Amino acid sequence: MNSPAVSFDFHRCLEACAQGDRSALQALYDHEGARMLGVARRIARDDAIAEDIVHDAMIRIWTRAASYDPARGSARGWIYSITRHLALNAIRDTRRETPLDESGIDSLATVPGTDDDRALWSGSAKIYRCLEQLQPAPQRCILHAYVDGCSHAEIAGLLGAPLGTVKAWITRSLKALRECLE
């Protein structure tokens, strides 16, 4: 494990990956793999899926390293953005594969756990339904802000949109989400 005093150069690592340097990818995995796995686990809530997500993220980082643009954000942010997006896609894909019918909804009442656990699950499903009602660009703004932890300026850079537009999308989207959740 690298000591905190040693600074890891993510930008240079991505440049080396873009040039086909496999040792750079290995160094990135050694340095960030555990944290990437933690992010994937928090989102997917499944160890096996999280491991697959990190594997897919490393492949995507390797194959797309040349597309990283430092003018659009930090190299580390780009790496975690890939991981988060793959994790969110995995959740979406899983949701599509197992639609709930009436018997599935009834079975939620018998899920082991506390009332707080069931309330959290119910609220989680509701926020996803509300997010799906947003237009794609504002939805990406919300996800970048609240899942990826990006600033408004970083989101503007990621989406190639004016900063004022991003702020307006976020403001309107938060209002719509509040109304949807009420």
C-alpha atoms as a PDB file:
ATOM      1  CA  MET A   1       0.000   0.000   0.000  1.00  0.00           C
ATOM      2  CA  ASN A   2       1.361   3.445  -0.863  1.00  0.00           C
ATOM      3  CA  SER A   3       1.955   5.813   1.998  1.00  0.00           C
ATOM      4  CA  PRO A   4      -0.218   8.943   2.082  1.00  0.00           C
ATOM      5  CA  ALA A   5       2.897  11.084   1.618  1.00  0.00           C
ATOM      6  CA  VAL A   6       3.531   9.557  -1.812  1.00  0.00           C
ATOM      7  CA  SER A   7       1.422  11.291  -4.435  1.00  0.00           C
ATOM      8  CA  PHE A   8       0.013   9.112  -7.205  1.00  0.00           C
ATOM      9  CA  ASP A   9      -0.003  10.793 -10.615  1.00  0.00           C
ATOM     10  CA  PHE A  10      -3.322   9.709 -12.099  1.00  0.00           C
ATOM     11  CA  HIS A  11      -2.908  11.849 -15.197  1.00  0.00           C
ATOM     12  CA  ARG A  12       0.460  10.348 -16.058  1.00  0.00           C
ATOM     13  CA  CYS A  13      -0.889   6.878 -15.326  1.00  0.00           C
ATOM     14  CA  LEU A  14      -3.724   7.380 -17.833  1.00  0.00           C
ATOM     15  CA  GLU A  15      -1.260   8.695 -20.404  1.00  0.00           C
ATOM     16  CA  ALA A  16       0.837   5.545 -19.938  1.00  0.00           C
ATOM     17  CA  CYS A  17      -2.275   3.348 -20.285  1.00  0.00           C
ATOM     18  CA  ALA A  18      -3.130   5.172 -23.510  1.00  0.00           C
ATOM     19  CA  GLN A  19       0.360   4.267 -24.770  1.00  0.00           C
ATOM     20  CA  GLY A  20      -0.245   0.584 -23.962  1.00  0.00           C
ATOM     21  CA  ASP A  21       1.791   0.386 -20.746  1.00  0.00           C
ATOM     22  CA  ARG A  22       0.205  -2.521 -18.845  1.00  0.00           C
ATOM     23  CA  SER A  23       2.287  -1.784 -15.756  1.00  0.00           C
ATOM     24  CA  ALA A  24       0.513   1.577 -15.499  1.00  0.00           C
ATOM     25  CA  LEU A  25      -2.849  -0.168 -15.398  1.00  0.00           C
ATOM     26  CA  GLN A  26      -1.516  -2.553 -12.745  1.00  0.00           C
ATOM     27  CA  ALA A  27      -0.214   0.399 -10.718  1.00  0.00           C
ATOM     28  CA  LEU A  28      -3.609   2.078 -10.969  1.00  0.00           C
ATOM     29  CA  TYR A  29      -5.361  -1.087  -9.829  1.00  0.00           C
ATOM     30  CA  ASP A  30      -2.904  -1.557  -6.949  1.00  0.00           C
ATOM     31  CA  HIS A  31      -3.398   2.048  -5.849  1.00  0.00           C
ATOM     32  CA  GLU A  32      -7.153   2.499  -6.342  1.00  0.00           C
ATOM     33  CA  GLY A  33      -8.679  -0.967  -6.763  1.00  0.00           C
ATOM     34  CA  ALA A  34      -9.820  -1.316  -3.158  1.00  0.00           C
ATOM     35  CA  ARG A  35     -11.421   2.138  -3.136  1.00  0.00           C
ATOM     36  CA  MET A  36     -13.075   1.491  -6.511  1.00  0.00           C
ATOM     37  CA  LEU A  37     -14.458  -1.752  -5.094  1.00  0.00           C
ATOM     38  CA  GLY A  38     -15.801   0.171  -2.099  1.00  0.00           C
ATOM     39  CA  VAL A  39     -17.619   2.625  -4.366  1.00  0.00           C
ATOM     40  CA  ALA A  40     -19.056  -0.207  -6.470  1.00  0.00           C
ATOM     41  CA  ARG A  41     -20.170  -2.100  -3.334  1.00  0.00           C
ATOM     42  CA  ARG A  42     -21.934   0.951  -1.900  1.00  0.00           C
ATOM     43  CA  ILE A  43     -23.894   1.397  -5.116  1.00  0.00           C
ATOM     44  CA  ALA A  44     -24.523  -2.232  -6.140  1.00  0.00           C
ATOM     45  CA  ARG A  45     -24.829  -3.647  -2.599  1.00  0.00           C
ATOM     46  CA  ASP A  46     -23.503  -6.983  -3.860  1.00  0.00           C
ATOM     47  CA  ASP A  47     -19.892  -8.168  -3.608  1.00  0.00           C
ATOM     48  CA  ALA A  48     -19.888 -10.274  -6.783  1.00  0.00           C
ATOM     49  CA  ILE A  49     -21.483  -7.542  -8.874  1.00  0.00           C
ATOM     50  CA  ALA A  50     -19.104  -4.966  -7.387  1.00  0.00           C
ATOM     51  CA  GLU A  51     -16.103  -7.093  -8.364  1.00  0.00           C
ATOM     52  CA  ASP A  52     -17.452  -7.385 -11.915  1.00  0.00           C
ATOM     53  CA  ILE A  53     -17.961  -3.618 -12.022  1.00  0.00           C
ATOM     54  CA  VAL A  54     -14.349  -2.936 -11.004  1.00  0.00           C
ATOM     55  CA  HIS A  55     -13.135  -5.451 -13.594  1.00  0.00           C
ATOM     56  CA  ASP A  56     -15.233  -3.764 -16.294  1.00  0.00           C
ATOM     57  CA  ALA A  57     -14.088  -0.335 -15.108  1.00  0.00           C
ATOM     58  CA  MET A  58     -10.430  -1.327 -15.415  1.00  0.00           C
ATOM     59  CA  ILE A  59     -11.048  -2.612 -18.951  1.00  0.00           C
ATOM     60  CA  ARG A  60     -12.863   0.587 -19.870  1.00  0.00           C
ATOM     61  CA  ILE A  61     -10.080   2.706 -18.355  1.00  0.00           C
ATOM     62  CA  TRP A  62      -7.519   0.717 -20.355  1.00  0.00           C
ATOM     63  CA  THR A  63      -9.404   0.948 -23.641  1.00  0.00           C
ATOM     64  CA  ARG A  64     -10.482   4.572 -23.277  1.00  0.00           C
ATOM     65  CA  ALA A  65      -7.508   6.136 -21.510  1.00  0.00           C
ATOM     66  CA  ALA A  66      -6.659   8.105 -24.655  1.00  0.00           C
ATOM     67  CA  SER A  67     -10.088   9.785 -24.509  1.00  0.00           C
ATOM     68  CA  TYR A  68      -9.418  11.307 -21.074  1.00  0.00           C
ATOM     69  CA  ASP A  69      -9.386  15.101 -21.376  1.00  0.00           C
ATOM     70  CA  PRO A  70      -7.757  16.938 -18.449  1.00  0.00           C
ATOM     71  CA  ALA A  71      -9.610  20.108 -19.428  1.00  0.00           C
ATOM     72  CA  ARG A  72     -12.880  18.392 -18.463  1.00  0.00           C
ATOM     73  CA  GLY A  73     -11.865  17.237 -14.975  1.00  0.00           C
ATOM     74  CA  SER A  74      -9.329  15.383 -12.881  1.00  0.00           C
ATOM     75  CA  ALA A  75      -7.963  12.014 -13.949  1.00  0.00           C
ATOM     76  CA  ARG A  76      -9.008  10.469 -10.643  1.00  0.00           C
ATOM     77  CA  GLY A  77     -12.507  11.883 -11.061  1.00  0.00           C
ATOM     78  CA  TRP A  78     -12.660  10.396 -14.566  1.00  0.00           C
ATOM     79  CA  ILE A  79     -11.692   6.965 -13.196  1.00  0.00           C
ATOM     80  CA  TYR A  80     -14.339   7.093 -10.475  1.00  0.00           C
ATOM     81  CA  SER A  81     -16.906   8.442 -12.896  1.00  0.00           C
ATOM     82  CA  ILE A  82     -16.440   5.298 -14.999  1.00  0.00           C
ATOM     83  CA  THR A  83     -16.798   3.097 -11.916  1.00  0.00           C
ATOM     84  CA  ARG A  84     -19.925   4.885 -10.687  1.00  0.00           C
ATOM     85  CA  HIS A  85     -21.597   4.891 -14.092  1.00  0.00           C
ATOM     86  CA  LEU A  86     -20.984   1.163 -14.535  1.00  0.00           C
ATOM     87  CA  ALA A  87     -22.380   0.513 -11.057  1.00  0.00           C
ATOM     88  CA  LEU A  88     -25.478   2.601 -11.717  1.00  0.00           C
ATOM     89  CA  ASN A  89     -25.974   0.831 -15.049  1.00  0.00           C
ATOM     90  CA  ALA A  90     -25.677  -2.527 -13.289  1.00  0.00           C
ATOM     91  CA  ILE A  91     -28.429  -1.501 -10.871  1.00  0.00           C
ATOM     92  CA  ARG A  92     -30.612  -0.296 -13.732  1.00  0.00           C
ATOM     93  CA  ASP A  93     -30.021  -3.504 -15.692  1.00  0.00           C
ATOM     94  CA  THR A  94     -30.831  -5.641 -12.667  1.00  0.00           C
ATOM     95  CA  ARG A  95     -34.021  -3.690 -12.089  1.00  0.00           C
ATOM     96  CA  ARG A  96     -35.091  -4.274 -15.688  1.00  0.00           C
ATOM     97  CA  GLU A  97     -34.440  -7.997 -15.447  1.00  0.00           C
ATOM     98  CA  THR A  98     -36.648  -8.547 -12.388  1.00  0.00           C
ATOM     99  CA  PRO A  99     -39.870  -6.580 -12.628  1.00  0.00           C
ATOM    100  CA  LEU A 100     -42.113  -6.862  -9.571  1.00  0.00           C
ATOM    101  CA  ASP A 101     -45.634  -8.092  -9.932  1.00  0.00           C
ATOM    102  CA  GLU A 102     -48.249  -8.039  -7.173  1.00  0.00           C
ATOM    103  CA  SER A 103     -46.786 -11.166  -5.520  1.00  0.00           C
ATOM    104  CA  GLY A 104     -43.344  -9.546  -5.562  1.00  0.00           C
ATOM    105  CA  ILE A 105     -44.687  -6.450  -3.861  1.00  0.00           C
ATOM    106  CA  ASP A 106     -46.420  -8.600  -1.239  1.00  0.00           C
ATOM    107  CA  SER A 107     -43.151 -10.443  -0.584  1.00  0.00           C
ATOM    108  CA  LEU A 108     -41.477  -7.155   0.374  1.00  0.00           C
ATOM    109  CA  ALA A 109     -43.542  -7.197   3.536  1.00  0.00           C
ATOM    110  CA  THR A 110     -41.888 -10.476   4.517  1.00  0.00           C
ATOM    111  CA  VAL A 111     -38.317  -9.372   3.833  1.00  0.00           C
ATOM    112  CA  PRO A 112     -36.268  -9.934   6.985  1.00  0.00           C
ATOM    113  CA  GLY A 113     -35.112  -6.743   8.649  1.00  0.00           C
ATOM    114  CA  THR A 114     -36.433  -3.878  10.630  1.00  0.00           C
ATOM    115  CA  ASP A 115     -39.153  -1.457   9.644  1.00  0.00           C
ATOM    116  CA  ASP A 116     -36.357   1.065   9.021  1.00  0.00           C
ATOM    117  CA  ASP A 117     -34.758  -1.330   6.495  1.00  0.00           C
ATOM    118  CA  ARG A 118     -38.046  -1.722   4.630  1.00  0.00           C
ATOM    119  CA  ALA A 119     -38.672   2.040   4.723  1.00  0.00           C
ATOM    120  CA  LEU A 120     -35.203   2.666   3.288  1.00  0.00           C
ATOM    121  CA  TRP A 121     -35.824   0.111   0.510  1.00  0.00           C
ATOM    122  CA  SER A 122     -39.200   1.668  -0.284  1.00  0.00           C
ATOM    123  CA  GLY A 123     -37.742   5.200  -0.344  1.00  0.00           C
ATOM    124  CA  SER A 124     -34.887   4.024  -2.531  1.00  0.00           C
ATOM    125  CA  ALA A 125     -37.266   2.598  -5.135  1.00  0.00           C
ATOM    126  CA  LYS A 126     -39.279   5.809  -5.095  1.00  0.00           C
ATOM    127  CA  ILE A 127     -36.250   8.034  -5.734  1.00  0.00           C
ATOM    128  CA  TYR A 128     -35.303   5.889  -8.738  1.00  0.00           C
ATOM    129  CA  ARG A 129     -38.810   6.254 -10.166  1.00  0.00           C
ATOM    130  CA  CYS A 130     -38.616  10.003  -9.644  1.00  0.00           C
ATOM    131  CA  LEU A 131     -35.152  10.238 -11.225  1.00  0.00           C
ATOM    132  CA  GLU A 132     -36.416   8.366 -14.286  1.00  0.00           C
ATOM    133  CA  GLN A 133     -39.004  11.117 -14.835  1.00  0.00           C
ATOM    134  CA  LEU A 134     -36.273  13.725 -15.367  1.00  0.00           C
ATOM    135  CA  GLN A 135     -34.955  14.559 -18.826  1.00  0.00           C
ATOM    136  CA  PRO A 136     -31.575  12.906 -19.589  1.00  0.00           C
ATOM    137  CA  ALA A 137     -29.322  15.970 -19.221  1.00  0.00           C
ATOM    138  CA  PRO A 138     -30.836  17.216 -15.922  1.00  0.00           C
ATOM    139  CA  GLN A 139     -30.839  13.630 -14.635  1.00  0.00           C
ATOM    140  CA  ARG A 140     -27.102  13.352 -15.409  1.00  0.00           C
ATOM    141  CA  CYS A 141     -26.545  16.662 -13.573  1.00  0.00           C
ATOM    142  CA  ILE A 142     -28.242  15.318 -10.446  1.00  0.00           C
ATOM    143  CA  LEU A 143     -26.316  12.043 -10.593  1.00  0.00           C
ATOM    144  CA  HIS A 144     -22.987  13.818 -11.156  1.00  0.00           C
ATOM    145  CA  ALA A 145     -23.713  16.170  -8.244  1.00  0.00           C
ATOM    146  CA  TYR A 146     -25.096  13.723  -5.692  1.00  0.00           C
ATOM    147  CA  VAL A 147     -23.551  10.386  -6.668  1.00  0.00           C
ATOM    148  CA  ASP A 148     -20.243  11.472  -8.165  1.00  0.00           C
ATOM    149  CA  GLY A 149     -19.807  14.490  -5.887  1.00  0.00           C
ATOM    150  CA  CYS A 150     -18.994  16.852  -8.755  1.00  0.00           C
ATOM    151  CA  SER A 151     -19.229  20.622  -8.461  1.00  0.00           C
ATOM    152  CA  HIS A 152     -21.470  22.598 -10.812  1.00  0.00           C
ATOM    153  CA  ALA A 153     -18.403  23.681 -12.797  1.00  0.00           C
ATOM    154  CA  GLU A 154     -17.194  20.073 -13.111  1.00  0.00           C
ATOM    155  CA  ILE A 155     -20.633  18.977 -14.307  1.00  0.00           C
ATOM    156  CA  ALA A 156     -20.670  21.766 -16.877  1.00  0.00           C
ATOM    157  CA  GLY A 157     -17.323  20.517 -18.139  1.00  0.00           C
ATOM    158  CA  LEU A 158     -18.451  16.886 -18.233  1.00  0.00           C
ATOM    159  CA  LEU A 159     -21.635  17.688 -20.141  1.00  0.00           C
ATOM    160  CA  GLY A 160     -20.212  20.478 -22.282  1.00  0.00           C
ATOM    161  CA  ALA A 161     -23.027  22.746 -21.094  1.00  0.00           C
ATOM    162  CA  PRO A 162     -22.898  26.343 -19.827  1.00  0.00           C
ATOM    163  CA  LEU A 163     -22.503  26.673 -16.055  1.00  0.00           C
ATOM    164  CA  GLY A 164     -25.743  28.673 -15.710  1.00  0.00           C
ATOM    165  CA  THR A 165     -27.669  25.982 -17.567  1.00  0.00           C
ATOM    166  CA  VAL A 166     -26.299  23.274 -15.286  1.00  0.00           C
ATOM    167  CA  LYS A 167     -27.267  25.286 -12.194  1.00  0.00           C
ATOM    168  CA  ALA A 168     -30.774  25.834 -13.576  1.00  0.00           C
ATOM    169  CA  TRP A 169     -31.172  22.141 -14.435  1.00  0.00           C
ATOM    170  CA  ILE A 170     -30.111  21.145 -10.932  1.00  0.00           C
ATOM    171  CA  THR A 171     -32.430  23.670  -9.268  1.00  0.00           C
ATOM    172  CA  ARG A 172     -35.443  22.631 -11.376  1.00  0.00           C
ATOM    173  CA  SER A 173     -34.630  18.933 -11.002  1.00  0.00           C
ATOM    174  CA  LEU A 174     -34.379  19.158  -7.217  1.00  0.00           C
ATOM    175  CA  LYS A 175     -37.757  20.905  -7.141  1.00  0.00           C
ATOM    176  CA  ALA A 176     -39.264  18.212  -9.368  1.00  0.00           C
ATOM    177  CA  LEU A 177     -37.750  15.457  -7.204  1.00  0.00           C
ATOM    178  CA  ARG A 178     -39.141  17.050  -4.033  1.00  0.00           C
ATOM    179  CA  GLU A 179     -42.605  17.244  -5.600  1.00  0.00           C
ATOM    180  CA  CYS A 180     -42.377  13.658  -6.837  1.00  0.00           C
ATOM    181  CA  LEU A 181     -41.293  12.366  -3.434  1.00  0.00           C
ATOM    182  CA  GLU A 182     -44.123  14.110  -1.547  1.00  0.00           C
END
